[in-house]
Amino acid sequence: MPVTNEKKLRSTGSGVCHRILVGTRDENQQSWLRNALREWGYPATTVTSPDELAAELERCSQNVVVVLDDDFYPDGPVAALASLLLDGFAVPVLFLGDPPADKVVERTSKMGAVAFSAVDSELKEFRHCLNHLEGCCEARLELGVPLLGRSSAIRELRDLIRNVAVSNAPVMITGESGTGKELVARAIHDLGVRALQEFVPVNVAALPETLIESMLFGHEKGSFTGADQRQGGYCERAHRGTLFLDEIGEMNRDLQPKLLRFLQNLTVQRIGATTSQKVDVRIISATNRDVKQLIDYGLLREDLFFRLHVIPVYVPPLRERRDDIPLLANAFLKRKCPPWRNKLSISEDLMER
């Protein structure tokens, strides 16, 4: 018995999926999935490459569920979701194939509305998962924030992020406050080989000056007043993952030689410890300050800057990507309006202003 019919799907006002995009290169799977979905009343379109999927989502990214087989994105589900978010598409995704590792399920669940389904002959599990995601069609991915924009500046940034992600070299992200530097850092992490490991963000400017060394490198029990137990720092926590040092230009000058030493040999020595330990960490840093001025004024060591500034990534402000204003304005309007006001729009005159 069909879940519903296409007429009902198209006429329902909220929380209902209008369309299914199926990504698979297997012609047999394309055929029987498309037929099954249409029998159940779901309008379905099949695509055979990530570029085709992106093109379809460009045309209609609202009220869509994406169904992907397990080899559609060769690097796996985390990279698939990261790629969709990088392209500005926050859509629910159903992955088909063998059950993934627990780490994959945990990581993708943090990125948004996601389900996994084995492919059985009766498609019972698939249909159940699809019904679950149907209610997510009008919701943004809960924690995964898309990099919205279609301007040439944002397209160049996306290309750079994809190229940087495959490297292990330190990255320094520069840009004004509010341009999305942490979003870029997370995208670099999620698209790289460390995606299943920890992404550890550290706002250097927000760390208490008296505790910053302990919080970065850890401490032994009794090493200072209040150190009642042994504690690892952010650098240890990021082992095999990514350490994101935000607002690096605000770092205490006295701590900079210790960070430089850490970057040179990637070893950590907790406060009060007599030995050090090796860690495997990718470093991404960010600042909204003029780096040259920081060096000229003696606020940032030049040798530390060169250790951090191996691959520069610049995030443009909105005034350099004005073509994205309509897209962003409409996205924010939709996100902030309650469901029963979903027909509000911005007039052409207001948009021009």
C-alpha atoms as a PDB file:
ATOM      1  CA  MET A   1       0.000   0.000   0.000  1.00  0.00           C
ATOM      2  CA  PRO A   2       1.543   3.360  -0.978  1.00  0.00           C
ATOM      3  CA  VAL A   3       2.715   5.705   1.767  1.00  0.00           C
ATOM      4  CA  THR A   4       0.836   8.535   0.047  1.00  0.00           C
ATOM      5  CA  ASN A   5       0.249   9.791  -3.463  1.00  0.00           C
ATOM      6  CA  GLU A   6       2.038  12.426  -5.502  1.00  0.00           C
ATOM      7  CA  LYS A   7      -0.887  14.829  -5.490  1.00  0.00           C
ATOM      8  CA  LYS A   8      -0.993  14.789  -1.711  1.00  0.00           C
ATOM      9  CA  LEU A   9       2.779  15.232  -1.494  1.00  0.00           C
ATOM     10  CA  ARG A  10       2.713  18.299  -3.666  1.00  0.00           C
ATOM     11  CA  SER A  11      -0.270  19.929  -1.938  1.00  0.00           C
ATOM     12  CA  THR A  12       0.867  19.546   1.666  1.00  0.00           C
ATOM     13  CA  GLY A  13       2.218  22.743   3.114  1.00  0.00           C
ATOM     14  CA  SER A  14       4.974  21.801   5.546  1.00  0.00           C
ATOM     15  CA  GLY A  15       7.250  19.003   6.612  1.00  0.00           C
ATOM     16  CA  VAL A  16       6.547  16.954   3.476  1.00  0.00           C
ATOM     17  CA  CYS A  17       9.041  15.933   0.846  1.00  0.00           C
ATOM     18  CA  HIS A  18       8.287  17.112  -2.674  1.00  0.00           C
ATOM     19  CA  ARG A  19      11.101  15.261  -4.398  1.00  0.00           C
ATOM     20  CA  ILE A  20      13.675  12.465  -4.079  1.00  0.00           C
ATOM     21  CA  LEU A  21      17.093  12.690  -5.732  1.00  0.00           C
ATOM     22  CA  VAL A  22      18.730   9.274  -6.135  1.00  0.00           C
ATOM     23  CA  GLY A  23      22.485   9.199  -6.649  1.00  0.00           C
ATOM     24  CA  THR A  24      23.794   5.911  -8.030  1.00  0.00           C
ATOM     25  CA  ARG A  25      25.894   4.753 -10.975  1.00  0.00           C
ATOM     26  CA  ASP A  26      24.293   1.304 -11.031  1.00  0.00           C
ATOM     27  CA  GLU A  27      21.694   1.263 -13.831  1.00  0.00           C
ATOM     28  CA  ASN A  28      19.712  -1.625 -12.312  1.00  0.00           C
ATOM     29  CA  GLN A  29      19.580   0.135  -8.949  1.00  0.00           C
ATOM     30  CA  GLN A  30      18.535   3.369 -10.641  1.00  0.00           C
ATOM     31  CA  SER A  31      15.638   1.611 -12.321  1.00  0.00           C
ATOM     32  CA  TRP A  32      14.138  -0.321  -9.419  1.00  0.00           C
ATOM     33  CA  LEU A  33      14.639   2.490  -6.890  1.00  0.00           C
ATOM     34  CA  ARG A  34      12.996   5.007  -9.207  1.00  0.00           C
ATOM     35  CA  ASN A  35      10.098   2.626  -9.880  1.00  0.00           C
ATOM     36  CA  ALA A  36       9.607   1.828  -6.186  1.00  0.00           C
ATOM     37  CA  LEU A  37       9.633   5.503  -5.201  1.00  0.00           C
ATOM     38  CA  ARG A  38       7.147   6.449  -7.888  1.00  0.00           C
ATOM     39  CA  GLU A  39       4.892   3.562  -6.875  1.00  0.00           C
ATOM     40  CA  TRP A  40       4.855   4.969  -3.355  1.00  0.00           C
ATOM     41  CA  GLY A  41       4.010   8.438  -4.667  1.00  0.00           C
ATOM     42  CA  TYR A  42       7.426  10.082  -4.471  1.00  0.00           C
ATOM     43  CA  PRO A  43       8.598  12.118  -7.487  1.00  0.00           C
ATOM     44  CA  ALA A  44      12.101  10.744  -8.110  1.00  0.00           C
ATOM     45  CA  THR A  45      15.067  11.819 -10.234  1.00  0.00           C
ATOM     46  CA  THR A  46      18.260   9.800 -10.633  1.00  0.00           C
ATOM     47  CA  VAL A  47      21.746  11.277 -11.050  1.00  0.00           C
ATOM     48  CA  THR A  48      25.016   9.497 -11.746  1.00  0.00           C
ATOM     49  CA  SER A  49      27.663  11.920 -10.437  1.00  0.00           C
ATOM     50  CA  PRO A  50      28.154  14.494  -7.658  1.00  0.00           C
ATOM     51  CA  ASP A  51      28.197  17.233 -10.307  1.00  0.00           C
ATOM     52  CA  GLU A  52      24.778  16.130 -11.600  1.00  0.00           C
ATOM     53  CA  LEU A  53      23.480  16.024  -8.031  1.00  0.00           C
ATOM     54  CA  ALA A  54      24.722  19.557  -7.378  1.00  0.00           C
ATOM     55  CA  ALA A  55      23.092  20.774 -10.596  1.00  0.00           C
ATOM     56  CA  GLU A  56      19.729  19.264  -9.573  1.00  0.00           C
ATOM     57  CA  LEU A  57      19.997  20.761  -6.087  1.00  0.00           C
ATOM     58  CA  GLU A  58      20.780  24.148  -7.633  1.00  0.00           C
ATOM     59  CA  ARG A  59      17.410  23.963  -9.378  1.00  0.00           C
ATOM     60  CA  CYS A  60      15.482  22.804  -6.320  1.00  0.00           C
ATOM     61  CA  SER A  61      17.105  22.360  -2.912  1.00  0.00           C
ATOM     62  CA  GLN A  62      13.948  22.849  -0.825  1.00  0.00           C
ATOM     63  CA  ASN A  63      11.781  19.896   0.271  1.00  0.00           C
ATOM     64  CA  VAL A  64      14.233  17.343  -1.110  1.00  0.00           C
ATOM     65  CA  VAL A  65      15.615  14.102   0.290  1.00  0.00           C
ATOM     66  CA  VAL A  66      18.840  12.824  -1.263  1.00  0.00           C
ATOM     67  CA  VAL A  67      19.360   9.038  -1.508  1.00  0.00           C
ATOM     68  CA  LEU A  68      22.960   7.936  -2.182  1.00  0.00           C
ATOM     69  CA  ASP A  69      24.484   4.503  -2.629  1.00  0.00           C
ATOM     70  CA  ASP A  70      27.615   3.792  -0.628  1.00  0.00           C
ATOM     71  CA  ASP A  71      30.118   4.422  -3.426  1.00  0.00           C
ATOM     72  CA  PHE A  72      28.555   7.544  -4.950  1.00  0.00           C
ATOM     73  CA  TYR A  73      31.126   9.612  -3.025  1.00  0.00           C
ATOM     74  CA  PRO A  74      34.288   7.442  -2.939  1.00  0.00           C
ATOM     75  CA  ASP A  75      35.519   8.980   0.331  1.00  0.00           C
ATOM     76  CA  GLY A  76      32.407   7.935   2.268  1.00  0.00           C
ATOM     77  CA  PRO A  77      29.397   9.470   4.032  1.00  0.00           C
ATOM     78  CA  VAL A  78      31.249  12.118   6.064  1.00  0.00           C
ATOM     79  CA  ALA A  79      32.929  13.510   2.947  1.00  0.00           C
ATOM     80  CA  ALA A  80      29.608  13.343   1.091  1.00  0.00           C
ATOM     81  CA  LEU A  81      27.822  15.454   3.700  1.00  0.00           C
ATOM     82  CA  ALA A  82      30.781  17.830   3.989  1.00  0.00           C
ATOM     83  CA  SER A  83      30.772  18.290   0.216  1.00  0.00           C
ATOM     84  CA  LEU A  84      27.028  19.016   0.131  1.00  0.00           C
ATOM     85  CA  LEU A  85      27.358  21.536   2.951  1.00  0.00           C
ATOM     86  CA  LEU A  86      30.360  23.148   1.285  1.00  0.00           C
ATOM     87  CA  ASP A  87      28.241  23.644  -1.842  1.00  0.00           C
ATOM     88  CA  GLY A  88      25.516  25.275   0.271  1.00  0.00           C
ATOM     89  CA  PHE A  89      23.036  22.375   0.353  1.00  0.00           C
ATOM     90  CA  ALA A  90      21.648  21.428   3.770  1.00  0.00           C
ATOM     91  CA  VAL A  91      19.400  18.525   2.825  1.00  0.00           C
ATOM     92  CA  PRO A  92      18.443  15.246   4.544  1.00  0.00           C
ATOM     93  CA  VAL A  93      20.456  12.323   3.171  1.00  0.00           C
ATOM     94  CA  LEU A  94      19.738   8.572   3.160  1.00  0.00           C
ATOM     95  CA  PHE A  95      22.750   6.329   2.498  1.00  0.00           C
ATOM     96  CA  LEU A  96      22.239   2.858   1.026  1.00  0.00           C
ATOM     97  CA  GLY A  97      24.573  -0.061   1.659  1.00  0.00           C
ATOM     98  CA  ASP A  98      26.207  -2.049   4.421  1.00  0.00           C
ATOM     99  CA  PRO A  99      25.935  -0.648   7.967  1.00  0.00           C
ATOM    100  CA  PRO A 100      28.775   1.853   8.546  1.00  0.00           C
ATOM    101  CA  ALA A 101      31.148   1.925  11.488  1.00  0.00           C
ATOM    102  CA  ASP A 102      29.863   3.465  14.720  1.00  0.00           C
ATOM    103  CA  LYS A 103      32.238   6.409  14.300  1.00  0.00           C
ATOM    104  CA  VAL A 104      30.728   7.194  10.904  1.00  0.00           C
ATOM    105  CA  VAL A 105      27.187   7.081  12.310  1.00  0.00           C
ATOM    106  CA  GLU A 106      28.182   9.295  15.236  1.00  0.00           C
ATOM    107  CA  ARG A 107      29.974  11.846  13.075  1.00  0.00           C
ATOM    108  CA  THR A 108      27.295  12.092  10.392  1.00  0.00           C
ATOM    109  CA  SER A 109      24.503  12.329  12.971  1.00  0.00           C
ATOM    110  CA  LYS A 110      26.219  15.445  14.329  1.00  0.00           C
ATOM    111  CA  MET A 111      26.245  16.928  10.836  1.00  0.00           C
ATOM    112  CA  GLY A 112      22.495  16.751  10.360  1.00  0.00           C
ATOM    113  CA  ALA A 113      19.469  14.770   9.172  1.00  0.00           C
ATOM    114  CA  VAL A 114      20.961  11.467   8.061  1.00  0.00           C
ATOM    115  CA  ALA A 115      19.875   7.808   7.931  1.00  0.00           C
ATOM    116  CA  PHE A 116      21.463   4.548   6.784  1.00  0.00           C
ATOM    117  CA  SER A 117      19.617   1.647   5.197  1.00  0.00           C
ATOM    118  CA  ALA A 118      20.534  -1.783   3.907  1.00  0.00           C
ATOM    119  CA  VAL A 119      18.987  -2.684   0.549  1.00  0.00           C
ATOM    120  CA  ASP A 120      16.697  -5.685   0.940  1.00  0.00           C
ATOM    121  CA  SER A 121      14.377  -7.126  -1.695  1.00  0.00           C
ATOM    122  CA  GLU A 122      11.239  -5.704  -0.056  1.00  0.00           C
ATOM    123  CA  LEU A 123      12.814  -2.311   0.746  1.00  0.00           C
ATOM    124  CA  LYS A 124      11.147  -2.265   4.181  1.00  0.00           C
ATOM    125  CA  GLU A 125      14.084  -0.665   6.002  1.00  0.00           C
ATOM    126  CA  PHE A 126      14.638   1.785   3.159  1.00  0.00           C
ATOM    127  CA  ARG A 127      10.995   2.854   3.230  1.00  0.00           C
ATOM    128  CA  HIS A 128      11.047   3.255   7.013  1.00  0.00           C
ATOM    129  CA  CYS A 129      14.151   5.475   6.858  1.00  0.00           C
ATOM    130  CA  LEU A 130      12.675   7.514   4.030  1.00  0.00           C
ATOM    131  CA  ASN A 131       9.515   8.138   6.031  1.00  0.00           C
ATOM    132  CA  HIS A 132      11.666   9.310   8.932  1.00  0.00           C
ATOM    133  CA  LEU A 133      13.624  11.757   6.779  1.00  0.00           C
ATOM    134  CA  GLU A 134      10.473  12.995   5.064  1.00  0.00           C
ATOM    135  CA  GLY A 135       9.710  15.124   8.111  1.00  0.00           C
ATOM    136  CA  CYS A 136      13.136  16.758   7.836  1.00  0.00           C
ATOM    137  CA  CYS A 137      12.641  18.103   4.324  1.00  0.00           C
ATOM    138  CA  GLU A 138      12.085  21.697   5.353  1.00  0.00           C
ATOM    139  CA  ALA A 139      14.619  21.662   8.191  1.00  0.00           C
ATOM    140  CA  ARG A 140      18.220  22.698   7.889  1.00  0.00           C
ATOM    141  CA  LEU A 141      20.810  20.187   9.006  1.00  0.00           C
ATOM    142  CA  GLU A 142      20.801  20.716  12.746  1.00  0.00           C
ATOM    143  CA  LEU A 143      24.521  21.264  13.315  1.00  0.00           C
ATOM    144  CA  GLY A 144      25.897  21.278   9.789  1.00  0.00           C
ATOM    145  CA  VAL A 145      25.837  24.856   8.491  1.00  0.00           C
ATOM    146  CA  PRO A 146      26.070  25.207   4.710  1.00  0.00           C
ATOM    147  CA  LEU A 147      28.526  27.559   3.051  1.00  0.00           C
ATOM    148  CA  LEU A 148      25.933  29.607   1.177  1.00  0.00           C
ATOM    149  CA  GLY A 149      26.809  31.533  -1.944  1.00  0.00           C
ATOM    150  CA  ARG A 150      27.067  31.291  -5.735  1.00  0.00           C
ATOM    151  CA  SER A 151      29.411  34.215  -6.441  1.00  0.00           C
ATOM    152  CA  SER A 152      32.767  33.709  -8.134  1.00  0.00           C
ATOM    153  CA  ALA A 153      34.505  34.581  -4.839  1.00  0.00           C
ATOM    154  CA  ILE A 154      32.725  31.840  -2.893  1.00  0.00           C
ATOM    155  CA  ARG A 155      33.206  29.320  -5.710  1.00  0.00           C
ATOM    156  CA  GLU A 156      36.952  30.001  -5.663  1.00  0.00           C
ATOM    157  CA  LEU A 157      36.930  29.551  -1.886  1.00  0.00           C
ATOM    158  CA  ARG A 158      35.171  26.183  -2.228  1.00  0.00           C
ATOM    159  CA  ASP A 159      37.732  25.001  -4.779  1.00  0.00           C
ATOM    160  CA  LEU A 160      40.560  26.068  -2.474  1.00  0.00           C
ATOM    161  CA  ILE A 161      38.986  24.276   0.505  1.00  0.00           C
ATOM    162  CA  ARG A 162      38.748  21.033  -1.486  1.00  0.00           C
ATOM    163  CA  ASN A 163      42.385  21.316  -2.573  1.00  0.00           C
ATOM    164  CA  VAL A 164      43.600  22.172   0.939  1.00  0.00           C
ATOM    165  CA  ALA A 165      41.640  19.334   2.567  1.00  0.00           C
ATOM    166  CA  VAL A 166      43.753  16.591   0.994  1.00  0.00           C
ATOM    167  CA  SER A 167      46.950  18.055   2.452  1.00  0.00           C
ATOM    168  CA  ASN A 168      48.262  17.739   6.008  1.00  0.00           C
ATOM    169  CA  ALA A 169      50.072  21.094   6.009  1.00  0.00           C
ATOM    170  CA  PRO A 170      49.166  23.882   8.472  1.00  0.00           C
ATOM    171  CA  VAL A 171      46.534  26.322   7.217  1.00  0.00           C
ATOM    172  CA  MET A 172      46.026  29.944   8.256  1.00  0.00           C
ATOM    173  CA  ILE A 173      42.573  31.370   7.574  1.00  0.00           C
ATOM    174  CA  THR A 174      42.242  35.147   7.447  1.00  0.00           C
ATOM    175  CA  GLY A 175      39.138  37.263   7.145  1.00  0.00           C
ATOM    176  CA  GLU A 176      36.995  39.727   9.020  1.00  0.00           C
ATOM    177  CA  SER A 177      34.779  38.784  11.968  1.00  0.00           C
ATOM    178  CA  GLY A 178      31.628  37.003  10.851  1.00  0.00           C
ATOM    179  CA  THR A 179      32.916  35.790   7.485  1.00  0.00           C
ATOM    180  CA  GLY A 180      32.802  32.125   8.537  1.00  0.00           C
ATOM    181  CA  LYS A 181      36.413  31.207   9.299  1.00  0.00           C
ATOM    182  CA  GLU A 182      35.481  28.347  11.652  1.00  0.00           C
ATOM    183  CA  LEU A 183      33.005  27.059   9.075  1.00  0.00           C
ATOM    184  CA  VAL A 184      35.859  26.928   6.549  1.00  0.00           C
ATOM    185  CA  ALA A 185      38.116  25.166   9.069  1.00  0.00           C
ATOM    186  CA  ARG A 186      35.461  22.513   9.736  1.00  0.00           C
ATOM    187  CA  ALA A 187      34.965  21.969   6.014  1.00  0.00           C
ATOM    188  CA  ILE A 188      38.715  21.415   5.549  1.00  0.00           C
ATOM    189  CA  HIS A 189      38.655  18.863   8.376  1.00  0.00           C
ATOM    190  CA  ASP A 190      35.495  17.061   7.208  1.00  0.00           C
ATOM    191  CA  LEU A 191      36.735  16.714   3.626  1.00  0.00           C
ATOM    192  CA  GLY A 192      40.121  15.333   4.670  1.00  0.00           C
ATOM    193  CA  VAL A 193      41.439  11.968   5.855  1.00  0.00           C
ATOM    194  CA  ARG A 194      40.995  13.042   9.508  1.00  0.00           C
ATOM    195  CA  ALA A 195      37.230  13.507   9.203  1.00  0.00           C
ATOM    196  CA  LEU A 196      36.365  10.698  11.649  1.00  0.00           C
ATOM    197  CA  GLN A 197      38.734  12.058  14.279  1.00  0.00           C
ATOM    198  CA  GLU A 198      38.293  15.035  16.602  1.00  0.00           C
ATOM    199  CA  PHE A 199      37.991  18.608  15.357  1.00  0.00           C
ATOM    200  CA  VAL A 200      39.078  20.629  18.402  1.00  0.00           C
ATOM    201  CA  PRO A 201      38.285  24.362  18.194  1.00  0.00           C
ATOM    202  CA  VAL A 202      40.141  26.628  20.606  1.00  0.00           C
ATOM    203  CA  ASN A 203      39.341  30.327  20.862  1.00  0.00           C
ATOM    204  CA  VAL A 204      42.731  31.570  22.000  1.00  0.00           C
ATOM    205  CA  ALA A 205      41.350  34.999  22.915  1.00  0.00           C
ATOM    206  CA  ALA A 206      38.810  33.441  25.316  1.00  0.00           C
ATOM    207  CA  LEU A 207      41.279  31.299  27.302  1.00  0.00           C
ATOM    208  CA  PRO A 208      42.130  32.621  30.804  1.00  0.00           C
ATOM    209  CA  GLU A 209      45.684  33.930  30.693  1.00  0.00           C
ATOM    210  CA  THR A 210      46.674  32.015  33.839  1.00  0.00           C
ATOM    211  CA  LEU A 211      45.361  28.692  32.470  1.00  0.00           C
ATOM    212  CA  ILE A 212      46.099  28.914  28.746  1.00  0.00           C
ATOM    213  CA  GLU A 213      49.282  26.791  28.889  1.00  0.00           C
ATOM    214  CA  SER A 214      47.559  24.122  30.964  1.00  0.00           C
ATOM    215  CA  MET A 215      44.515  24.086  28.681  1.00  0.00           C
ATOM    216  CA  LEU A 216      46.651  23.693  25.559  1.00  0.00           C
ATOM    217  CA  PHE A 217      49.280  21.254  26.808  1.00  0.00           C
ATOM    218  CA  GLY A 218      47.740  19.718  29.946  1.00  0.00           C
ATOM    219  CA  HIS A 219      49.149  19.298  33.461  1.00  0.00           C
ATOM    220  CA  GLU A 220      50.111  16.687  36.044  1.00  0.00           C
ATOM    221  CA  LYS A 221      48.380  16.316  39.367  1.00  0.00           C
ATOM    222  CA  GLY A 222      49.808  18.766  41.920  1.00  0.00           C
ATOM    223  CA  SER A 223      51.729  20.774  39.325  1.00  0.00           C
ATOM    224  CA  PHE A 224      50.049  23.999  40.501  1.00  0.00           C
ATOM    225  CA  THR A 225      47.425  25.117  43.000  1.00  0.00           C
ATOM    226  CA  GLY A 226      44.092  23.604  42.035  1.00  0.00           C
ATOM    227  CA  ALA A 227      45.589  20.854  39.851  1.00  0.00           C
ATOM    228  CA  ASP A 228      43.922  18.053  41.813  1.00  0.00           C
ATOM    229  CA  GLN A 229      44.113  15.543  38.955  1.00  0.00           C
ATOM    230  CA  ARG A 230      46.098  14.775  35.847  1.00  0.00           C
ATOM    231  CA  GLN A 231      44.622  16.492  32.794  1.00  0.00           C
ATOM    232  CA  GLY A 232      45.401  16.345  29.086  1.00  0.00           C
ATOM    233  CA  GLY A 233      45.182  19.510  27.012  1.00  0.00           C
ATOM    234  CA  TYR A 234      43.611  20.452  23.702  1.00  0.00           C
ATOM    235  CA  CYS A 235      46.723  19.340  21.776  1.00  0.00           C
ATOM    236  CA  GLU A 236      46.396  15.802  23.135  1.00  0.00           C
ATOM    237  CA  ARG A 237      42.665  15.733  22.558  1.00  0.00           C
ATOM    238  CA  ALA A 238      43.231  16.578  18.893  1.00  0.00           C
ATOM    239  CA  HIS A 239      45.566  13.570  18.408  1.00  0.00           C
ATOM    240  CA  ARG A 240      45.009  12.168  14.884  1.00  0.00           C
ATOM    241  CA  GLY A 241      42.518  14.977  14.259  1.00  0.00           C
ATOM    242  CA  THR A 242      42.587  18.749  13.754  1.00  0.00           C
ATOM    243  CA  LEU A 243      43.442  21.510  16.220  1.00  0.00           C
ATOM    244  CA  PHE A 244      41.797  24.791  15.237  1.00  0.00           C
ATOM    245  CA  LEU A 245      43.424  27.817  16.890  1.00  0.00           C
ATOM    246  CA  ASP A 246      41.005  30.702  16.418  1.00  0.00           C
ATOM    247  CA  GLU A 247      42.042  34.329  16.975  1.00  0.00           C
ATOM    248  CA  ILE A 248      45.710  33.316  16.955  1.00  0.00           C
ATOM    249  CA  GLY A 249      46.682  36.998  16.858  1.00  0.00           C
ATOM    250  CA  GLU A 250      45.453  37.378  20.445  1.00  0.00           C
ATOM    251  CA  MET A 251      47.811  34.739  21.853  1.00  0.00           C
ATOM    252  CA  ASN A 252      49.915  35.731  24.839  1.00  0.00           C
ATOM    253  CA  ARG A 253      53.445  36.612  23.695  1.00  0.00           C
ATOM    254  CA  ASP A 254      55.012  34.448  26.449  1.00  0.00           C
ATOM    255  CA  LEU A 255      53.170  31.359  25.233  1.00  0.00           C
ATOM    256  CA  GLN A 256      54.222  31.736  21.606  1.00  0.00           C
ATOM    257  CA  PRO A 257      57.696  30.099  21.973  1.00  0.00           C
ATOM    258  CA  LYS A 258      56.039  27.032  23.540  1.00  0.00           C
ATOM    259  CA  LEU A 259      53.522  26.794  20.726  1.00  0.00           C
ATOM    260  CA  LEU A 260      56.367  27.186  18.226  1.00  0.00           C
ATOM    261  CA  ARG A 261      58.249  24.328  19.902  1.00  0.00           C
ATOM    262  CA  PHE A 262      55.121  22.188  19.735  1.00  0.00           C
ATOM    263  CA  LEU A 263      54.690  22.922  16.011  1.00  0.00           C
ATOM    264  CA  GLN A 264      58.328  22.082  15.284  1.00  0.00           C
ATOM    265  CA  ASN A 265      58.296  18.585  16.779  1.00  0.00           C
ATOM    266  CA  LEU A 266      54.596  17.878  17.547  1.00  0.00           C
ATOM    267  CA  THR A 267      55.392  16.723  21.066  1.00  0.00           C
ATOM    268  CA  VAL A 268      53.487  17.692  24.188  1.00  0.00           C
ATOM    269  CA  GLN A 269      54.910  18.045  27.683  1.00  0.00           C
ATOM    270  CA  ARG A 270      52.306  18.606  30.351  1.00  0.00           C
ATOM    271  CA  ILE A 271      53.014  21.151  33.077  1.00  0.00           C
ATOM    272  CA  GLY A 272      54.829  19.305  35.856  1.00  0.00           C
ATOM    273  CA  ALA A 273      55.770  16.334  33.654  1.00  0.00           C
ATOM    274  CA  THR A 274      59.347  15.168  33.110  1.00  0.00           C
ATOM    275  CA  THR A 275      58.668  13.460  29.774  1.00  0.00           C
ATOM    276  CA  SER A 276      56.926  14.434  26.554  1.00  0.00           C
ATOM    277  CA  GLN A 277      54.701  12.516  24.154  1.00  0.00           C
ATOM    278  CA  LYS A 278      54.304  12.633  20.401  1.00  0.00           C
ATOM    279  CA  VAL A 279      50.962  13.616  18.877  1.00  0.00           C
ATOM    280  CA  ASP A 280      49.667  13.542  15.295  1.00  0.00           C
ATOM    281  CA  VAL A 281      47.761  16.776  14.757  1.00  0.00           C
ATOM    282  CA  ARG A 282      46.861  18.977  11.811  1.00  0.00           C
ATOM    283  CA  ILE A 283      46.959  22.664  12.702  1.00  0.00           C
ATOM    284  CA  ILE A 284      44.493  25.197  11.337  1.00  0.00           C
ATOM    285  CA  SER A 285      44.679  28.742  12.683  1.00  0.00           C
ATOM    286  CA  ALA A 286      42.609  31.849  12.042  1.00  0.00           C
ATOM    287  CA  THR A 287      42.712  35.557  12.712  1.00  0.00           C
ATOM    288  CA  ASN A 288      40.662  38.625  11.845  1.00  0.00           C
ATOM    289  CA  ARG A 289      43.667  40.892  12.373  1.00  0.00           C
ATOM    290  CA  ASP A 290      46.169  42.228   9.844  1.00  0.00           C
ATOM    291  CA  VAL A 291      48.978  39.679  10.266  1.00  0.00           C
ATOM    292  CA  LYS A 292      51.696  42.006   8.951  1.00  0.00           C
ATOM    293  CA  GLN A 293      50.734  44.611  11.548  1.00  0.00           C
ATOM    294  CA  LEU A 294      50.760  41.987  14.309  1.00  0.00           C
ATOM    295  CA  ILE A 295      54.340  41.093  13.370  1.00  0.00           C
ATOM    296  CA  ASP A 296      55.433  44.740  12.977  1.00  0.00           C
ATOM    297  CA  TYR A 297      54.005  45.616  16.403  1.00  0.00           C
ATOM    298  CA  GLY A 298      55.685  42.618  18.018  1.00  0.00           C
ATOM    299  CA  LEU A 299      52.398  40.927  18.914  1.00  0.00           C
ATOM    300  CA  LEU A 300      53.049  37.814  16.802  1.00  0.00           C
ATOM    301  CA  ARG A 301      56.431  36.162  16.388  1.00  0.00           C
ATOM    302  CA  GLU A 302      57.514  36.029  12.762  1.00  0.00           C
ATOM    303  CA  ASP A 303      58.888  32.490  13.082  1.00  0.00           C
ATOM    304  CA  LEU A 304      55.577  31.327  14.576  1.00  0.00           C
ATOM    305  CA  PHE A 305      53.698  33.019  11.732  1.00  0.00           C
ATOM    306  CA  PHE A 306      55.729  31.132   9.113  1.00  0.00           C
ATOM    307  CA  ARG A 307      55.047  27.842  10.888  1.00  0.00           C
ATOM    308  CA  LEU A 308      51.307  28.506  10.830  1.00  0.00           C
ATOM    309  CA  HIS A 309      51.051  30.269   7.463  1.00  0.00           C
ATOM    310  CA  VAL A 310      52.036  27.361   5.199  1.00  0.00           C
ATOM    311  CA  ILE A 311      48.745  27.413   3.241  1.00  0.00           C
ATOM    312  CA  PRO A 312      46.861  30.735   3.357  1.00  0.00           C
ATOM    313  CA  VAL A 313      43.079  30.796   2.954  1.00  0.00           C
ATOM    314  CA  TYR A 314      41.277  34.125   2.689  1.00  0.00           C
ATOM    315  CA  VAL A 315      37.546  34.318   3.428  1.00  0.00           C
ATOM    316  CA  PRO A 316      35.995  37.302   1.615  1.00  0.00           C
ATOM    317  CA  PRO A 317      33.543  39.655   3.361  1.00  0.00           C
ATOM    318  CA  LEU A 318      30.060  40.128   1.946  1.00  0.00           C
ATOM    319  CA  ARG A 319      30.970  43.390   0.218  1.00  0.00           C
ATOM    320  CA  GLU A 320      33.302  41.350  -2.023  1.00  0.00           C
ATOM    321  CA  ARG A 321      30.536  38.881  -2.895  1.00  0.00           C
ATOM    322  CA  ARG A 322      27.501  41.139  -3.244  1.00  0.00           C
ATOM    323  CA  ASP A 323      25.848  38.743  -5.708  1.00  0.00           C
ATOM    324  CA  ASP A 324      25.245  36.393  -2.762  1.00  0.00           C
ATOM    325  CA  ILE A 325      23.087  38.893  -0.834  1.00  0.00           C
ATOM    326  CA  PRO A 326      19.706  37.736  -2.298  1.00  0.00           C
ATOM    327  CA  LEU A 327      20.511  34.081  -1.624  1.00  0.00           C
ATOM    328  CA  LEU A 328      21.643  34.789   1.951  1.00  0.00           C
ATOM    329  CA  ALA A 329      18.741  37.131   2.691  1.00  0.00           C
ATOM    330  CA  ASN A 330      16.160  34.584   1.541  1.00  0.00           C
ATOM    331  CA  ALA A 331      17.917  31.784   3.445  1.00  0.00           C
ATOM    332  CA  PHE A 332      17.901  33.807   6.675  1.00  0.00           C
ATOM    333  CA  LEU A 333      14.254  34.785   6.146  1.00  0.00           C
ATOM    334  CA  LYS A 334      13.258  31.147   5.734  1.00  0.00           C
ATOM    335  CA  ARG A 335      15.357  30.034   8.695  1.00  0.00           C
ATOM    336  CA  LYS A 336      13.974  32.654  11.082  1.00  0.00           C
ATOM    337  CA  CYS A 337      10.314  32.533  10.087  1.00  0.00           C
ATOM    338  CA  PRO A 338       7.991  30.033  11.795  1.00  0.00           C
ATOM    339  CA  PRO A 339       6.563  27.314   9.500  1.00  0.00           C
ATOM    340  CA  TRP A 340       3.146  28.950   9.262  1.00  0.00           C
ATOM    341  CA  ARG A 341       4.766  32.096   7.787  1.00  0.00           C
ATOM    342  CA  ASN A 342       6.776  30.251   5.139  1.00  0.00           C
ATOM    343  CA  LYS A 343       5.312  32.288   2.265  1.00  0.00           C
ATOM    344  CA  LEU A 344       6.952  35.538   3.333  1.00  0.00           C
ATOM    345  CA  SER A 345       9.281  36.973   0.717  1.00  0.00           C
ATOM    346  CA  ILE A 346      11.513  39.988   0.168  1.00  0.00           C
ATOM    347  CA  SER A 347      10.274  42.501  -2.375  1.00  0.00           C
ATOM    348  CA  GLU A 348      12.415  43.399  -5.383  1.00  0.00           C
ATOM    349  CA  ASP A 349      12.618  47.012  -4.184  1.00  0.00           C
ATOM    350  CA  LEU A 350      13.857  45.994  -0.742  1.00  0.00           C
ATOM    351  CA  MET A 351      16.358  43.560  -2.220  1.00  0.00           C
ATOM    352  CA  GLU A 352      17.698  46.283  -4.503  1.00  0.00           C
ATOM    353  CA  ARG A 353      18.112  48.591  -1.506  1.00  0.00           C
END
